[in-house]
Amino acid sequence: MLYTWSMSFEIFVLAERMRHFDMMVFPSKEEEWLKVADGFNNMWQFENCLGAVDGKHIAIKKPPGSGSYYYNYKGFFSVVLFAIVNANYEFTYVSCGTNGRISDGGSLRKQIFTIY
């Protein structure tokens, strides 16, 4: 699916609203993780899955004095919208603001859940 800037912006706004109103719950207990895994197994026959992960570059104006910090490999300045959903397409985690220059692996390492 080809995403347009307006679609990306709408996803970003929706995710920020959900985070603001505490509508997302990142699993923290073993039972919660097992429920997520059961959801993927029951709905999609995909065992041992704890979430579907994706990221999207959101185009921005070059911040003054930032050099190439936000310049991505696609050829424009951006921040990264990173999200995880459960088997029902419900957001369990959203992060936005990582500089667009960072690699996928670097973006994943910067997320809060990787502290373990």
PDB file of N, CA and C in Angstrom:
ATOM      1  N   MET A   1       0.848  -1.179   0.000  1.00  0.00           N
ATOM      2  CA  MET A   1       0.000   0.000   0.000  1.00  0.00           C
ATOM      3  C   MET A   1       0.889   1.236   0.000  1.00  0.00           C
ATOM      4  N   LEU A   2       0.591   2.165  -0.846  1.00  0.00           N
ATOM      5  CA  LEU A   2       1.344   3.396  -0.926  1.00  0.00           C
ATOM      6  C   LEU A   2       0.733   4.415   0.036  1.00  0.00           C
ATOM      7  N   TYR A   3       1.538   4.901   0.963  1.00  0.00           N
ATOM      8  CA  TYR A   3       1.068   5.891   1.917  1.00  0.00           C
ATOM      9  C   TYR A   3       1.342   7.290   1.390  1.00  0.00           C
ATOM     10  N   THR A   4       0.377   8.147   1.538  1.00  0.00           N
ATOM     11  CA  THR A   4       0.595   9.544   1.196  1.00  0.00           C
ATOM     12  C   THR A   4       0.940  10.294   2.478  1.00  0.00           C
ATOM     13  N   TRP A   5       1.444  11.510   2.324  1.00  0.00           N
ATOM     14  CA  TRP A   5       1.789  12.297   3.496  1.00  0.00           C
ATOM     15  C   TRP A   5       0.573  12.509   4.371  1.00  0.00           C
ATOM     16  N   SER A   6      -0.597  12.777   3.770  1.00  0.00           N
ATOM     17  CA  SER A   6      -1.793  13.057   4.575  1.00  0.00           C
ATOM     18  C   SER A   6      -2.218  11.817   5.355  1.00  0.00           C
ATOM     19  N   MET A   7      -2.069  10.622   4.757  1.00  0.00           N
ATOM     20  CA  MET A   7      -2.398   9.397   5.480  1.00  0.00           C
ATOM     21  C   MET A   7      -1.452   9.213   6.658  1.00  0.00           C
ATOM     22  N   SER A   8      -0.159   9.468   6.443  1.00  0.00           N
ATOM     23  CA  SER A   8       0.822   9.338   7.515  1.00  0.00           C
ATOM     24  C   SER A   8       0.516  10.319   8.634  1.00  0.00           C
ATOM     25  N   PHE A   9       0.160  11.544   8.265  1.00  0.00           N
ATOM     26  CA  PHE A   9      -0.149  12.543   9.275  1.00  0.00           C
ATOM     27  C   PHE A   9      -1.378  12.132  10.078  1.00  0.00           C
ATOM     28  N   GLU A  10      -2.381  11.585   9.403  1.00  0.00           N
ATOM     29  CA  GLU A  10      -3.583  11.131  10.111  1.00  0.00           C
ATOM     30  C   GLU A  10      -3.257  10.008  11.081  1.00  0.00           C
ATOM     31  N   ILE A  11      -2.392   9.078  10.677  1.00  0.00           N
ATOM     32  CA  ILE A  11      -1.973   8.005  11.573  1.00  0.00           C
ATOM     33  C   ILE A  11      -1.248   8.583  12.772  1.00  0.00           C
ATOM     34  N   PHE A  12      -0.357   9.556  12.528  1.00  0.00           N
ATOM     35  CA  PHE A  12       0.385  10.194  13.605  1.00  0.00           C
ATOM     36  C   PHE A  12      -0.560  10.881  14.594  1.00  0.00           C
ATOM     37  N   VAL A  13      -1.522  11.641  14.093  1.00  0.00           N
ATOM     38  CA  VAL A  13      -2.467  12.349  14.957  1.00  0.00           C
ATOM     39  C   VAL A  13      -3.293  11.359  15.773  1.00  0.00           C
ATOM     40  N   LEU A  14      -3.775  10.315  15.136  1.00  0.00           N
ATOM     41  CA  LEU A  14      -4.553   9.299  15.836  1.00  0.00           C
ATOM     42  C   LEU A  14      -3.725   8.648  16.943  1.00  0.00           C
ATOM     43  N   ALA A  15      -2.482   8.279  16.635  1.00  0.00           N
ATOM     44  CA  ALA A  15      -1.625   7.634  17.619  1.00  0.00           C
ATOM     45  C   ALA A  15      -1.344   8.560  18.798  1.00  0.00           C
ATOM     46  N   GLU A  16      -1.085   9.834  18.519  1.00  0.00           N
ATOM     47  CA  GLU A  16      -0.823  10.779  19.602  1.00  0.00           C
ATOM     48  C   GLU A  16      -2.057  10.974  20.483  1.00  0.00           C
ATOM     49  N   ARG A  17      -3.229  11.019  19.886  1.00  0.00           N
ATOM     50  CA  ARG A  17      -4.468  11.151  20.660  1.00  0.00           C
ATOM     51  C   ARG A  17      -4.674   9.919  21.535  1.00  0.00           C
ATOM     52  N   MET A  18      -4.417   8.743  20.984  1.00  0.00           N
ATOM     53  CA  MET A  18      -4.583   7.523  21.749  1.00  0.00           C
ATOM     54  C   MET A  18      -3.628   7.501  22.927  1.00  0.00           C
ATOM     55  N   ARG A  19      -2.389   7.923  22.698  1.00  0.00           N
ATOM     56  CA  ARG A  19      -1.402   7.932  23.788  1.00  0.00           C
ATOM     57  C   ARG A  19      -1.798   8.957  24.847  1.00  0.00           C
ATOM     58  N   HIS A  20      -2.278  10.106  24.413  1.00  0.00           N
ATOM     59  CA  HIS A  20      -2.673  11.161  25.336  1.00  0.00           C
ATOM     60  C   HIS A  20      -3.821  10.728  26.245  1.00  0.00           C
ATOM     61  N   PHE A  21      -4.758   9.981  25.709  1.00  0.00           N
ATOM     62  CA  PHE A  21      -5.927   9.573  26.492  1.00  0.00           C
ATOM     63  C   PHE A  21      -5.777   8.179  27.084  1.00  0.00           C
ATOM     64  N   ASP A  22      -4.537   7.683  27.163  1.00  0.00           N
ATOM     65  CA  ASP A  22      -4.247   6.375  27.758  1.00  0.00           C
ATOM     66  C   ASP A  22      -5.094   5.260  27.153  1.00  0.00           C
ATOM     67  N   MET A  23      -5.255   5.286  25.838  1.00  0.00           N
ATOM     68  CA  MET A  23      -6.039   4.261  25.157  1.00  0.00           C
ATOM     69  C   MET A  23      -5.159   3.094  24.716  1.00  0.00           C
ATOM     70  N   MET A  24      -3.858   3.202  24.916  1.00  0.00           N
ATOM     71  CA  MET A  24      -2.958   2.117  24.567  1.00  0.00           C
ATOM     72  C   MET A  24      -2.442   1.489  25.846  1.00  0.00           C
ATOM     73  N   VAL A  25      -2.342   0.179  25.836  1.00  0.00           N
ATOM     74  CA  VAL A  25      -1.807  -0.522  26.997  1.00  0.00           C
ATOM     75  C   VAL A  25      -0.716  -1.467  26.517  1.00  0.00           C
ATOM     76  N   PHE A  26       0.515  -1.150  26.863  1.00  0.00           N
ATOM     77  CA  PHE A  26       1.633  -2.023  26.524  1.00  0.00           C
ATOM     78  C   PHE A  26       1.681  -3.133  27.560  1.00  0.00           C
ATOM     79  N   PRO A  27       1.633  -4.400  27.144  1.00  0.00           N
ATOM     80  CA  PRO A  27       1.623  -5.510  28.104  1.00  0.00           C
ATOM     81  C   PRO A  27       2.828  -5.458  29.031  1.00  0.00           C
ATOM     82  N   SER A  28       2.582  -5.743  30.303  1.00  0.00           N
ATOM     83  CA  SER A  28       3.679  -5.727  31.267  1.00  0.00           C
ATOM     84  C   SER A  28       3.746  -7.007  32.098  1.00  0.00           C
ATOM     85  N   LYS A  29       2.694  -7.804  32.069  1.00  0.00           N
ATOM     86  CA  LYS A  29       2.667  -9.047  32.842  1.00  0.00           C
ATOM     87  C   LYS A  29       2.639 -10.236  31.888  1.00  0.00           C
ATOM     88  N   GLU A  30       3.108 -11.369  32.380  1.00  0.00           N
ATOM     89  CA  GLU A  30       3.159 -12.574  31.555  1.00  0.00           C
ATOM     90  C   GLU A  30       1.788 -12.937  30.986  1.00  0.00           C
ATOM     91  N   GLU A  31       0.749 -12.803  31.792  1.00  0.00           N
ATOM     92  CA  GLU A  31      -0.605 -13.144  31.337  1.00  0.00           C
ATOM     93  C   GLU A  31      -1.039 -12.251  30.167  1.00  0.00           C
ATOM     94  N   GLU A  32      -0.665 -10.968  30.231  1.00  0.00           N
ATOM     95  CA  GLU A  32      -1.011 -10.036  29.154  1.00  0.00           C
ATOM     96  C   GLU A  32      -0.288 -10.407  27.863  1.00  0.00           C
ATOM     97  N   TRP A  33       0.980 -10.781  27.971  1.00  0.00           N
ATOM     98  CA  TRP A  33       1.736 -11.190  26.789  1.00  0.00           C
ATOM     99  C   TRP A  33       1.153 -12.466  26.194  1.00  0.00           C
ATOM    100  N   LEU A  34       0.757 -13.400  27.051  1.00  0.00           N
ATOM    101  CA  LEU A  34       0.166 -14.648  26.563  1.00  0.00           C
ATOM    102  C   LEU A  34      -1.154 -14.385  25.842  1.00  0.00           C
ATOM    103  N   LYS A  35      -1.907 -13.409  26.332  1.00  0.00           N
ATOM    104  CA  LYS A  35      -3.167 -13.039  25.677  1.00  0.00           C
ATOM    105  C   LYS A  35      -2.907 -12.473  24.273  1.00  0.00           C
ATOM    106  N   VAL A  36      -1.873 -11.634  24.145  1.00  0.00           N
ATOM    107  CA  VAL A  36      -1.507 -11.086  22.831  1.00  0.00           C
ATOM    108  C   VAL A  36      -1.098 -12.219  21.898  1.00  0.00           C
ATOM    109  N   ALA A  37      -0.249 -13.133  22.384  1.00  0.00           N
ATOM    110  CA  ALA A  37       0.199 -14.253  21.566  1.00  0.00           C
ATOM    111  C   ALA A  37      -0.976 -15.142  21.156  1.00  0.00           C
ATOM    112  N   ASP A  38      -1.898 -15.388  22.079  1.00  0.00           N
ATOM    113  CA  ASP A  38      -3.089 -16.184  21.763  1.00  0.00           C
ATOM    114  C   ASP A  38      -3.926 -15.506  20.674  1.00  0.00           C
ATOM    115  N   GLY A  39      -4.013 -14.184  20.731  1.00  0.00           N
ATOM    116  CA  GLY A  39      -4.764 -13.446  19.722  1.00  0.00           C
ATOM    117  C   GLY A  39      -4.203 -13.669  18.328  1.00  0.00           C
ATOM    118  N   PHE A  40      -2.871 -13.593  18.183  1.00  0.00           N
ATOM    119  CA  PHE A  40      -2.251 -13.828  16.879  1.00  0.00           C
ATOM    120  C   PHE A  40      -2.424 -15.277  16.434  1.00  0.00           C
ATOM    121  N   ASN A  41      -2.325 -16.200  17.388  1.00  0.00           N
ATOM    122  CA  ASN A  41      -2.478 -17.611  17.037  1.00  0.00           C
ATOM    123  C   ASN A  41      -3.912 -17.924  16.612  1.00  0.00           C
ATOM    124  N   ASN A  42      -4.886 -17.433  17.355  1.00  0.00           N
ATOM    125  CA  ASN A  42      -6.291 -17.713  17.054  1.00  0.00           C
ATOM    126  C   ASN A  42      -6.776 -17.020  15.784  1.00  0.00           C
ATOM    127  N   MET A  43      -6.388 -15.779  15.607  1.00  0.00           N
ATOM    128  CA  MET A  43      -6.906 -15.007  14.480  1.00  0.00           C
ATOM    129  C   MET A  43      -6.132 -15.240  13.183  1.00  0.00           C
ATOM    130  N   TRP A  44      -4.823 -15.379  13.297  1.00  0.00           N
ATOM    131  CA  TRP A  44      -3.972 -15.429  12.103  1.00  0.00           C
ATOM    132  C   TRP A  44      -3.164 -16.722  11.973  1.00  0.00           C
ATOM    133  N   GLN A  45      -3.313 -17.652  12.921  1.00  0.00           N
ATOM    134  CA  GLN A  45      -2.533 -18.896  12.938  1.00  0.00           C
ATOM    135  C   GLN A  45      -1.033 -18.594  12.879  1.00  0.00           C
ATOM    136  N   PHE A  46      -0.653 -17.578  13.648  1.00  0.00           N
ATOM    137  CA  PHE A  46       0.745 -17.135  13.711  1.00  0.00           C
ATOM    138  C   PHE A  46       1.183 -17.263  15.164  1.00  0.00           C
ATOM    139  N   GLU A  47       1.887 -18.350  15.461  1.00  0.00           N
ATOM    140  CA  GLU A  47       2.253 -18.667  16.842  1.00  0.00           C
ATOM    141  C   GLU A  47       3.383 -17.790  17.366  1.00  0.00           C
ATOM    142  N   ASN A  48       3.370 -17.585  18.677  1.00  0.00           N
ATOM    143  CA  ASN A  48       4.446 -16.905  19.411  1.00  0.00           C
ATOM    144  C   ASN A  48       4.701 -15.478  18.940  1.00  0.00           C
ATOM    145  N   CYS A  49       3.702 -14.822  18.403  1.00  0.00           N
ATOM    146  CA  CYS A  49       3.845 -13.440  17.944  1.00  0.00           C
ATOM    147  C   CYS A  49       3.350 -12.498  19.046  1.00  0.00           C
ATOM    148  N   LEU A  50       4.146 -11.502  19.370  1.00  0.00           N
ATOM    149  CA  LEU A  50       3.798 -10.560  20.434  1.00  0.00           C
ATOM    150  C   LEU A  50       3.418  -9.185  19.907  1.00  0.00           C
ATOM    151  N   GLY A  51       3.391  -9.014  18.587  1.00  0.00           N
ATOM    152  CA  GLY A  51       2.972  -7.745  18.017  1.00  0.00           C
ATOM    153  C   GLY A  51       3.453  -7.598  16.586  1.00  0.00           C
ATOM    154  N   ALA A  52       2.740  -6.795  15.827  1.00  0.00           N
ATOM    155  CA  ALA A  52       3.149  -6.448  14.475  1.00  0.00           C
ATOM    156  C   ALA A  52       3.773  -5.053  14.532  1.00  0.00           C
ATOM    157  N   VAL A  53       4.978  -4.929  14.019  1.00  0.00           N
ATOM    158  CA  VAL A  53       5.775  -3.710  14.148  1.00  0.00           C
ATOM    159  C   VAL A  53       5.921  -3.040  12.789  1.00  0.00           C
ATOM    160  N   ASP A  54       5.820  -1.713  12.771  1.00  0.00           N
ATOM    161  CA  ASP A  54       6.100  -0.975  11.543  1.00  0.00           C
ATOM    162  C   ASP A  54       6.549   0.431  11.888  1.00  0.00           C
ATOM    163  N   GLY A  55       7.200   1.053  10.959  1.00  0.00           N
ATOM    164  CA  GLY A  55       7.648   2.425  11.113  1.00  0.00           C
ATOM    165  C   GLY A  55       7.354   3.207   9.851  1.00  0.00           C
ATOM    166  N   LYS A  56       7.231   4.494   9.993  1.00  0.00           N
ATOM    167  CA  LYS A  56       6.916   5.363   8.856  1.00  0.00           C
ATOM    168  C   LYS A  56       7.655   6.679   9.030  1.00  0.00           C
ATOM    169  N   HIS A  57       8.266   7.152   7.953  1.00  0.00           N
ATOM    170  CA  HIS A  57       8.904   8.469   7.981  1.00  0.00           C
ATOM    171  C   HIS A  57       7.841   9.546   7.791  1.00  0.00           C
ATOM    172  N   ILE A  58       7.810  10.503   8.697  1.00  0.00           N
ATOM    173  CA  ILE A  58       6.906  11.640   8.597  1.00  0.00           C
ATOM    174  C   ILE A  58       7.746  12.837   8.160  1.00  0.00           C
ATOM    175  N   ALA A  59       7.421  13.397   7.016  1.00  0.00           N
ATOM    176  CA  ALA A  59       8.188  14.516   6.460  1.00  0.00           C
ATOM    177  C   ALA A  59       8.058  15.749   7.349  1.00  0.00           C
ATOM    178  N   ILE A  60       9.182  16.437   7.545  1.00  0.00           N
ATOM    179  CA  ILE A  60       9.213  17.675   8.330  1.00  0.00           C
ATOM    180  C   ILE A  60      10.045  18.713   7.589  1.00  0.00           C
ATOM    181  N   LYS A  61       9.940  19.963   8.010  1.00  0.00           N
ATOM    182  CA  LYS A  61      10.848  20.997   7.534  1.00  0.00           C
ATOM    183  C   LYS A  61      12.170  20.821   8.269  1.00  0.00           C
ATOM    184  N   LYS A  62      13.249  21.111   7.599  1.00  0.00           N
ATOM    185  CA  LYS A  62      14.563  20.988   8.225  1.00  0.00           C
ATOM    186  C   LYS A  62      14.661  21.929   9.418  1.00  0.00           C
ATOM    187  N   PRO A  63      14.882  21.383  10.624  1.00  0.00           N
ATOM    188  CA  PRO A  63      15.048  22.252  11.792  1.00  0.00           C
ATOM    189  C   PRO A  63      16.331  23.084  11.662  1.00  0.00           C
ATOM    190  N   PRO A  64      16.290  24.347  12.054  1.00  0.00           N
ATOM    191  CA  PRO A  64      17.473  25.198  11.957  1.00  0.00           C
ATOM    192  C   PRO A  64      18.664  24.609  12.719  1.00  0.00           C
ATOM    193  N   GLY A  65      19.811  24.595  12.087  1.00  0.00           N
ATOM    194  CA  GLY A  65      21.031  24.133  12.735  1.00  0.00           C
ATOM    195  C   GLY A  65      21.129  22.627  12.915  1.00  0.00           C
ATOM    196  N   SER A  66      20.251  21.863  12.277  1.00  0.00           N
ATOM    197  CA  SER A  66      20.260  20.411  12.490  1.00  0.00           C
ATOM    198  C   SER A  66      21.178  19.666  11.527  1.00  0.00           C
ATOM    199  N   GLY A  67      21.687  20.353  10.518  1.00  0.00           N
ATOM    200  CA  GLY A  67      22.553  19.671   9.547  1.00  0.00           C
ATOM    201  C   GLY A  67      21.806  18.547   8.863  1.00  0.00           C
ATOM    202  N   SER A  68      22.406  17.355   8.869  1.00  0.00           N
ATOM    203  CA  SER A  68      21.773  16.197   8.223  1.00  0.00           C
ATOM    204  C   SER A  68      21.134  15.246   9.239  1.00  0.00           C
ATOM    205  N   TYR A  69      20.982  15.698  10.479  1.00  0.00           N
ATOM    206  CA  TYR A  69      20.480  14.839  11.552  1.00  0.00           C
ATOM    207  C   TYR A  69      19.118  14.229  11.231  1.00  0.00           C
ATOM    208  N   TYR A  70      18.250  14.952  10.571  1.00  0.00           N
ATOM    209  CA  TYR A  70      16.905  14.474  10.246  1.00  0.00           C
ATOM    210  C   TYR A  70      16.761  14.032   8.781  1.00  0.00           C
ATOM    211  N   TYR A  71      17.851  14.083   8.008  1.00  0.00           N
ATOM    212  CA  TYR A  71      17.800  13.746   6.585  1.00  0.00           C
ATOM    213  C   TYR A  71      17.871  12.235   6.425  1.00  0.00           C
ATOM    214  N   ASN A  72      16.862  11.637   5.783  1.00  0.00           N
ATOM    215  CA  ASN A  72      16.811  10.181   5.694  1.00  0.00           C
ATOM    216  C   ASN A  72      17.311   9.660   4.344  1.00  0.00           C
ATOM    217  N   TYR A  73      17.397   8.344   4.244  1.00  0.00           N
ATOM    218  CA  TYR A  73      17.886   7.701   3.024  1.00  0.00           C
ATOM    219  C   TYR A  73      16.935   7.859   1.841  1.00  0.00           C
ATOM    220  N   LYS A  74      15.693   8.299   2.114  1.00  0.00           N
ATOM    221  CA  LYS A  74      14.721   8.499   1.035  1.00  0.00           C
ATOM    222  C   LYS A  74      14.884   9.872   0.377  1.00  0.00           C
ATOM    223  N   GLY A  75      15.722  10.723   0.977  1.00  0.00           N
ATOM    224  CA  GLY A  75      16.026  12.002   0.363  1.00  0.00           C
ATOM    225  C   GLY A  75      15.232  13.185   0.882  1.00  0.00           C
ATOM    226  N   PHE A  76      14.648  13.078   2.085  1.00  0.00           N
ATOM    227  CA  PHE A  76      13.954  14.216   2.683  1.00  0.00           C
ATOM    228  C   PHE A  76      14.138  14.203   4.198  1.00  0.00           C
ATOM    229  N   PHE A  77      13.799  15.299   4.843  1.00  0.00           N
ATOM    230  CA  PHE A  77      13.921  15.420   6.290  1.00  0.00           C
ATOM    231  C   PHE A  77      12.684  14.804   6.940  1.00  0.00           C
ATOM    232  N   SER A  78      12.904  14.029   8.017  1.00  0.00           N
ATOM    233  CA  SER A  78      11.771  13.332   8.625  1.00  0.00           C
ATOM    234  C   SER A  78      12.029  12.975  10.081  1.00  0.00           C
ATOM    235  N   VAL A  79      10.936  12.632  10.763  1.00  0.00           N
ATOM    236  CA  VAL A  79      10.977  11.943  12.049  1.00  0.00           C
ATOM    237  C   VAL A  79      10.300  10.600  11.821  1.00  0.00           C
ATOM    238  N   VAL A  80      10.599   9.640  12.678  1.00  0.00           N
ATOM    239  CA  VAL A  80      10.074   8.294  12.505  1.00  0.00           C
ATOM    240  C   VAL A  80       8.896   8.067  13.440  1.00  0.00           C
ATOM    241  N   LEU A  81       7.790   7.585  12.864  1.00  0.00           N
ATOM    242  CA  LEU A  81       6.638   7.121  13.634  1.00  0.00           C
ATOM    243  C   LEU A  81       6.792   5.608  13.724  1.00  0.00           C
ATOM    244  N   PHE A  82       6.877   5.088  14.936  1.00  0.00           N
ATOM    245  CA  PHE A  82       7.093   3.661  15.183  1.00  0.00           C
ATOM    246  C   PHE A  82       5.900   3.147  15.958  1.00  0.00           C
ATOM    247  N   ALA A  83       5.322   2.023  15.526  1.00  0.00           N
ATOM    248  CA  ALA A  83       4.127   1.515  16.209  1.00  0.00           C
ATOM    249  C   ALA A  83       4.115  -0.002  16.266  1.00  0.00           C
ATOM    250  N   ILE A  84       3.424  -0.515  17.285  1.00  0.00           N
ATOM    251  CA  ILE A  84       3.176  -1.942  17.439  1.00  0.00           C
ATOM    252  C   ILE A  84       1.682  -2.111  17.641  1.00  0.00           C
ATOM    253  N   VAL A  85       1.101  -3.104  16.957  1.00  0.00           N
ATOM    254  CA  VAL A  85      -0.316  -3.411  17.124  1.00  0.00           C
ATOM    255  C   VAL A  85      -0.479  -4.869  17.518  1.00  0.00           C
ATOM    256  N   ASN A  86      -1.635  -5.173  18.137  1.00  0.00           N
ATOM    257  CA  ASN A  86      -1.950  -6.556  18.462  1.00  0.00           C
ATOM    258  C   ASN A  86      -2.681  -7.197  17.289  1.00  0.00           C
ATOM    259  N   ALA A  87      -3.190  -8.397  17.470  1.00  0.00           N
ATOM    260  CA  ALA A  87      -3.839  -9.139  16.380  1.00  0.00           C
ATOM    261  C   ALA A  87      -5.107  -8.459  15.878  1.00  0.00           C
ATOM    262  N   ASN A  88      -5.700  -7.581  16.677  1.00  0.00           N
ATOM    263  CA  ASN A  88      -6.923  -6.872  16.302  1.00  0.00           C
ATOM    264  C   ASN A  88      -6.643  -5.480  15.742  1.00  0.00           C
ATOM    265  N   TYR A  89      -5.402  -5.210  15.369  1.00  0.00           N
ATOM    266  CA  TYR A  89      -4.985  -3.905  14.841  1.00  0.00           C
ATOM    267  C   TYR A  89      -5.129  -2.784  15.865  1.00  0.00           C
ATOM    268  N   GLU A  90      -5.074  -3.106  17.140  1.00  0.00           N
ATOM    269  CA  GLU A  90      -5.142  -2.093  18.197  1.00  0.00           C
ATOM    270  C   GLU A  90      -3.719  -1.728  18.596  1.00  0.00           C
ATOM    271  N   PHE A  91      -3.449  -0.422  18.654  1.00  0.00           N
ATOM    272  CA  PHE A  91      -2.118   0.022  19.040  1.00  0.00           C
ATOM    273  C   PHE A  91      -1.822  -0.392  20.472  1.00  0.00           C
ATOM    274  N   THR A  92      -0.626  -0.972  20.662  1.00  0.00           N
ATOM    275  CA  THR A  92      -0.154  -1.246  22.012  1.00  0.00           C
ATOM    276  C   THR A  92       1.044  -0.367  22.347  1.00  0.00           C
ATOM    277  N   TYR A  93       1.672   0.203  21.315  1.00  0.00           N
ATOM    278  CA  TYR A  93       2.829   1.068  21.535  1.00  0.00           C
ATOM    279  C   TYR A  93       2.979   2.002  20.344  1.00  0.00           C
ATOM    280  N   VAL A  94       3.252   3.263  20.616  1.00  0.00           N
ATOM    281  CA  VAL A  94       3.520   4.258  19.571  1.00  0.00           C
ATOM    282  C   VAL A  94       4.615   5.187  20.056  1.00  0.00           C
ATOM    283  N   SER A  95       5.531   5.487  19.173  1.00  0.00           N
ATOM    284  CA  SER A  95       6.583   6.450  19.462  1.00  0.00           C
ATOM    285  C   SER A  95       6.794   7.282  18.212  1.00  0.00           C
ATOM    286  N   CYS A  96       6.954   8.569  18.376  1.00  0.00           N
ATOM    287  CA  CYS A  96       7.214   9.437  17.236  1.00  0.00           C
ATOM    288  C   CYS A  96       8.235  10.485  17.635  1.00  0.00           C
ATOM    289  N   GLY A  97       9.169  10.765  16.732  1.00  0.00           N
ATOM    290  CA  GLY A  97      10.113  11.825  17.007  1.00  0.00           C
ATOM    291  C   GLY A  97      11.562  11.450  16.807  1.00  0.00           C
ATOM    292  N   THR A  98      11.859  10.151  16.667  1.00  0.00           N
ATOM    293  CA  THR A  98      13.239   9.752  16.401  1.00  0.00           C
ATOM    294  C   THR A  98      13.677  10.361  15.074  1.00  0.00           C
ATOM    295  N   ASN A  99      14.909  10.855  15.019  1.00  0.00           N
ATOM    296  CA  ASN A  99      15.390  11.498  13.803  1.00  0.00           C
ATOM    297  C   ASN A  99      15.360  10.537  12.621  1.00  0.00           C
ATOM    298  N   GLY A 100      14.972  11.053  11.458  1.00  0.00           N
ATOM    299  CA  GLY A 100      14.809  10.243  10.266  1.00  0.00           C
ATOM    300  C   GLY A 100      16.084   9.619   9.734  1.00  0.00           C
ATOM    301  N   ARG A 101      17.232  10.116  10.141  1.00  0.00           N
ATOM    302  CA  ARG A 101      18.507   9.600   9.647  1.00  0.00           C
ATOM    303  C   ARG A 101      18.816   8.211  10.197  1.00  0.00           C
ATOM    304  N   ILE A 102      18.225   7.859  11.309  1.00  0.00           N
ATOM    305  CA  ILE A 102      18.541   6.620  12.003  1.00  0.00           C
ATOM    306  C   ILE A 102      18.051   5.404  11.207  1.00  0.00           C
ATOM    307  N   SER A 103      18.765   4.307  11.307  1.00  0.00           N
ATOM    308  CA  SER A 103      18.384   3.075  10.608  1.00  0.00           C
ATOM    309  C   SER A 103      17.197   2.412  11.310  1.00  0.00           C
ATOM    310  N   ASP A 104      16.608   1.407  10.662  1.00  0.00           N
ATOM    311  CA  ASP A 104      15.510   0.668  11.291  1.00  0.00           C
ATOM    312  C   ASP A 104      15.955   0.043  12.606  1.00  0.00           C
ATOM    313  N   GLY A 105      17.134  -0.573  12.593  1.00  0.00           N
ATOM    314  CA  GLY A 105      17.658  -1.182  13.820  1.00  0.00           C
ATOM    315  C   GLY A 105      17.927  -0.150  14.898  1.00  0.00           C
ATOM    316  N   GLY A 106      18.441   1.006  14.496  1.00  0.00           N
ATOM    317  CA  GLY A 106      18.696   2.082  15.451  1.00  0.00           C
ATOM    318  C   GLY A 106      17.409   2.609  16.040  1.00  0.00           C
ATOM    319  N   SER A 107      16.376   2.721  15.221  1.00  0.00           N
ATOM    320  CA  SER A 107      15.073   3.167  15.702  1.00  0.00           C
ATOM    321  C   SER A 107      14.504   2.170  16.703  1.00  0.00           C
ATOM    322  N   LEU A 108      14.624   0.897  16.398  1.00  0.00           N
ATOM    323  CA  LEU A 108      14.143  -0.147  17.302  1.00  0.00           C
ATOM    324  C   LEU A 108      14.896  -0.109  18.635  1.00  0.00           C
ATOM    325  N   ARG A 109      16.197   0.106  18.595  1.00  0.00           N
ATOM    326  CA  ARG A 109      17.001   0.166  19.830  1.00  0.00           C
ATOM    327  C   ARG A 109      16.621   1.357  20.707  1.00  0.00           C
ATOM    328  N   LYS A 110      16.120   2.435  20.100  1.00  0.00           N
ATOM    329  CA  LYS A 110      15.778   3.635  20.873  1.00  0.00           C
ATOM    330  C   LYS A 110      14.435   3.535  21.598  1.00  0.00           C
ATOM    331  N   GLN A 111      13.660   2.494  21.320  1.00  0.00           N
ATOM    332  CA  GLN A 111      12.335   2.384  21.929  1.00  0.00           C
ATOM    333  C   GLN A 111      12.456   1.992  23.391  1.00  0.00           C
ATOM    334  N   ILE A 112      11.497   2.422  24.180  1.00  0.00           N
ATOM    335  CA  ILE A 112      11.523   2.250  25.614  1.00  0.00           C
ATOM    336  C   ILE A 112      11.486   0.776  26.054  1.00  0.00           C
ATOM    337  N   PHE A 113      10.844  -0.071  25.279  1.00  0.00           N
ATOM    338  CA  PHE A 113      10.699  -1.450  25.676  1.00  0.00           C
ATOM    339  C   PHE A 113      11.972  -2.277  25.499  1.00  0.00           C
ATOM    340  N   THR A 114      13.014  -1.720  24.914  1.00  0.00           N
ATOM    341  CA  THR A 114      14.245  -2.473  24.693  1.00  0.00           C
ATOM    342  C   THR A 114      15.232  -2.339  25.856  1.00  0.00           C
ATOM    343  N   ILE A 115      14.800  -1.842  26.995  1.00  0.00           N
ATOM    344  CA  ILE A 115      15.719  -1.663  28.112  1.00  0.00           C
ATOM    345  C   ILE A 115      16.038  -2.965  28.827  1.00  0.00           C
ATOM    346  N   TYR A 116      15.360  -4.040  28.508  1.00  0.00           N
ATOM    347  CA  TYR A 116      15.589  -5.311  29.194  1.00  0.00           C
ATOM    348  C   TYR A 116      16.693  -6.100  28.569  1.00  0.00           C
TER     349      TYR A 116
END
